[in-house]
Every structure is written in structure tokens, then in C-alpha cells.
Amino acid sequence: MALKIGNELNDTLKGTALVNVWEVDIVYRIPFYGYHGFRRPFVKISLISPGAIREAAHLMRSGQILGRVFTPYEAHIPFTLQFMADYNLYCMDDLIVRRLRFRGNPSKEILGMHEF
């Protein structure tokens, strides 16, 4: 399935950077549309490029993947918000990192020292 999605995305996004599927897993979750009391199997697809989520969702809805129509559940959520939810970062929660690298010299920007 990962190979088929990757090939279709590469065909759809001609002339752009190569898009690959990182992982395809079967996960058991409770659907959040409607009332459901039991977990059901879902296909969780992780892409390397978050910019390809919209195209991947379109391919899934159109039936071009395995000749079957799939319903994407979280494709409408912006990548940053999805990242925060996946890693339990809510509102103004602290972000703890082991290594931090800056592009250029951030001291003036971070400390609020602006030259006018």
C-alpha cells in the first residue's frame, strides 16, 4: 500500500520534490464521527513531506489507491496543529528539546532587542 500511495503521489506532484510515504500502520481507534462504542481498524499513513497531505487525501477519496475509496479522518488538520496534538503540546505548554540549533544569530530577535 505504501508503494502504491508513493507512486501515485509522485505521478500527481510532477516537477516537485520526490514525495515518499514514511510508514503505513494498521491502528485501532474509536471513530469520532457519530457514536461508536468500540475500536475499529484504521490505516495510519505517515508522509515525509507534510505538504503532500492534501494530495494524498484526494487520492484516497478518489479511489485511485487499490481501487477503493478511503475516508481520511485527520487530513484537514494543519500540520503544526497535528504535530502539537501528537506530542501532547497544548496551548502554551513548554517545549523541551535536547539539542537546539538556530539559523543565524537569534539573540536580538529572541531577546526582543530590535534596532530602529
Protein backbone atom coordinates (compact mmCIF):
# COMPACT_ATOMS: atom_id res chain seq x y z
CA MET A 1 0.00 0.00 0.00
CA ALA A 2 2.85 2.40 0.86
CA LEU A 3 4.42 1.80 -2.55
CA LYS A 4 1.14 2.42 -4.36
CA ILE A 5 0.47 5.68 -2.46
CA GLY A 6 4.05 6.84 -3.03
CA ASN A 7 3.87 6.13 -6.77
CA GLU A 8 0.52 7.91 -7.15
CA LEU A 9 1.79 10.93 -5.20
CA ASN A 10 4.92 11.10 -7.34
CA ASP A 11 2.76 10.99 -10.50
CA THR A 12 0.41 13.66 -9.12
CA LEU A 13 3.17 16.04 -7.99
CA LYS A 14 5.20 16.06 -11.20
CA GLY A 15 8.01 18.58 -11.25
CA THR A 16 8.21 18.87 -7.46
CA ALA A 17 10.42 17.22 -4.91
CA LEU A 18 10.11 13.46 -4.60
CA VAL A 19 7.40 12.58 -2.06
CA ASN A 20 7.65 9.33 -0.17
CA VAL A 21 5.49 7.50 2.31
CA TRP A 22 7.31 7.04 5.61
CA GLU A 23 5.06 4.41 7.16
CA VAL A 24 1.70 2.69 6.85
CA ASP A 25 0.26 1.11 10.00
CA ILE A 26 -3.00 -0.50 10.99
CA VAL A 27 -4.17 1.13 14.23
CA TYR A 28 -7.30 0.53 16.29
CA ARG A 29 -9.15 3.69 17.31
CA ILE A 30 -12.68 4.79 18.14
CA PRO A 31 -14.14 6.78 15.21
CA PHE A 32 -15.01 10.34 16.19
CA TYR A 33 -17.78 10.88 13.62
CA GLY A 34 -21.04 9.59 15.05
CA TYR A 35 -21.43 7.32 18.09
CA HIS A 36 -19.19 4.26 18.27
CA GLY A 37 -18.53 2.19 21.36
CA PHE A 38 -15.75 0.01 20.03
CA ARG A 39 -12.36 0.44 18.41
CA ARG A 40 -12.14 -0.14 14.68
CA PRO A 41 -9.14 -0.62 12.40
CA PHE A 42 -7.76 2.45 10.62
CA VAL A 43 -4.89 2.83 8.19
CA LYS A 44 -2.42 5.41 9.54
CA ILE A 45 -0.25 6.84 6.75
CA SER A 46 2.81 8.93 7.65
CA LEU A 47 4.35 11.04 4.89
CA ILE A 48 7.83 12.53 4.82
CA SER A 49 6.58 15.80 3.36
CA PRO A 50 3.64 17.43 5.17
CA GLY A 51 2.96 19.44 2.02
CA ALA A 52 1.66 16.29 0.31
CA ILE A 53 -1.11 15.59 2.82
CA ARG A 54 -3.80 17.31 0.76
CA GLU A 55 -2.85 15.41 -2.40
CA ALA A 56 -2.67 12.09 -0.53
CA ALA A 57 -6.13 12.69 0.96
CA HIS A 58 -7.51 13.48 -2.50
CA LEU A 59 -6.03 10.24 -3.89
CA MET A 60 -7.57 8.26 -1.02
CA ARG A 61 -11.01 9.84 -1.51
CA SER A 62 -10.96 9.40 -5.31
CA GLY A 63 -10.40 5.64 -5.21
CA GLN A 64 -7.05 5.72 -7.03
CA ILE A 65 -5.37 3.73 -4.25
CA LEU A 66 -6.06 -0.01 -4.50
CA GLY A 67 -9.28 0.72 -6.39
CA ARG A 68 -11.07 1.51 -3.13
CA VAL A 69 -12.45 4.74 -1.68
CA PHE A 70 -10.98 5.64 1.73
CA THR A 71 -12.19 8.35 4.12
CA PRO A 72 -9.30 10.44 5.50
CA TYR A 73 -10.01 11.50 9.08
CA GLU A 74 -7.28 13.97 10.04
CA ALA A 75 -6.15 15.30 6.67
CA HIS A 76 -7.90 18.65 7.19
CA ILE A 77 -5.91 19.47 10.34
CA PRO A 78 -2.90 21.75 9.69
CA PHE A 79 0.45 20.02 10.12
CA THR A 80 1.61 22.22 13.02
CA LEU A 81 -1.57 21.58 15.00
CA GLN A 82 -1.37 17.84 14.26
CA PHE A 83 2.27 17.78 15.42
CA MET A 84 1.33 19.51 18.67
CA ALA A 85 -1.54 17.10 19.32
CA ASP A 86 0.58 14.02 18.53
CA TYR A 87 3.25 15.11 21.02
CA ASN A 88 0.85 16.42 23.71
CA LEU A 89 1.83 20.08 23.27
CA TYR A 90 -1.18 22.19 24.12
CA CYS A 91 -1.66 25.95 24.32
CA MET A 92 1.40 27.49 25.94
CA ASP A 93 2.97 24.25 27.12
CA ASP A 94 6.76 24.03 27.41
CA LEU A 95 8.72 22.51 24.58
CA ILE A 96 11.71 20.63 25.98
CA VAL A 97 14.44 19.84 23.47
CA ARG A 98 17.76 18.06 23.85
CA ARG A 99 19.55 19.99 21.13
CA LEU A 100 18.68 23.41 19.81
CA ARG A 101 20.14 24.96 16.68
CA PHE A 102 19.46 28.37 15.26
CA ARG A 103 19.80 29.62 11.73
CA GLY A 104 21.99 32.67 12.09
CA ASN A 105 22.28 34.80 15.23
CA PRO A 106 18.92 34.78 17.05
CA SER A 107 19.94 36.77 20.13
CA LYS A 108 18.39 40.10 19.10
CA GLU A 109 15.18 38.52 17.85
CA ILE A 110 14.67 36.27 20.87
CA LEU A 111 15.53 38.87 23.47
CA GLY A 112 13.31 41.46 21.82
CA MET A 113 16.17 43.85 21.05
CA HIS A 114 15.25 45.48 17.77
CA GLU A 115 17.31 48.15 16.09
CA PHE A 116 15.26 51.05 14.83
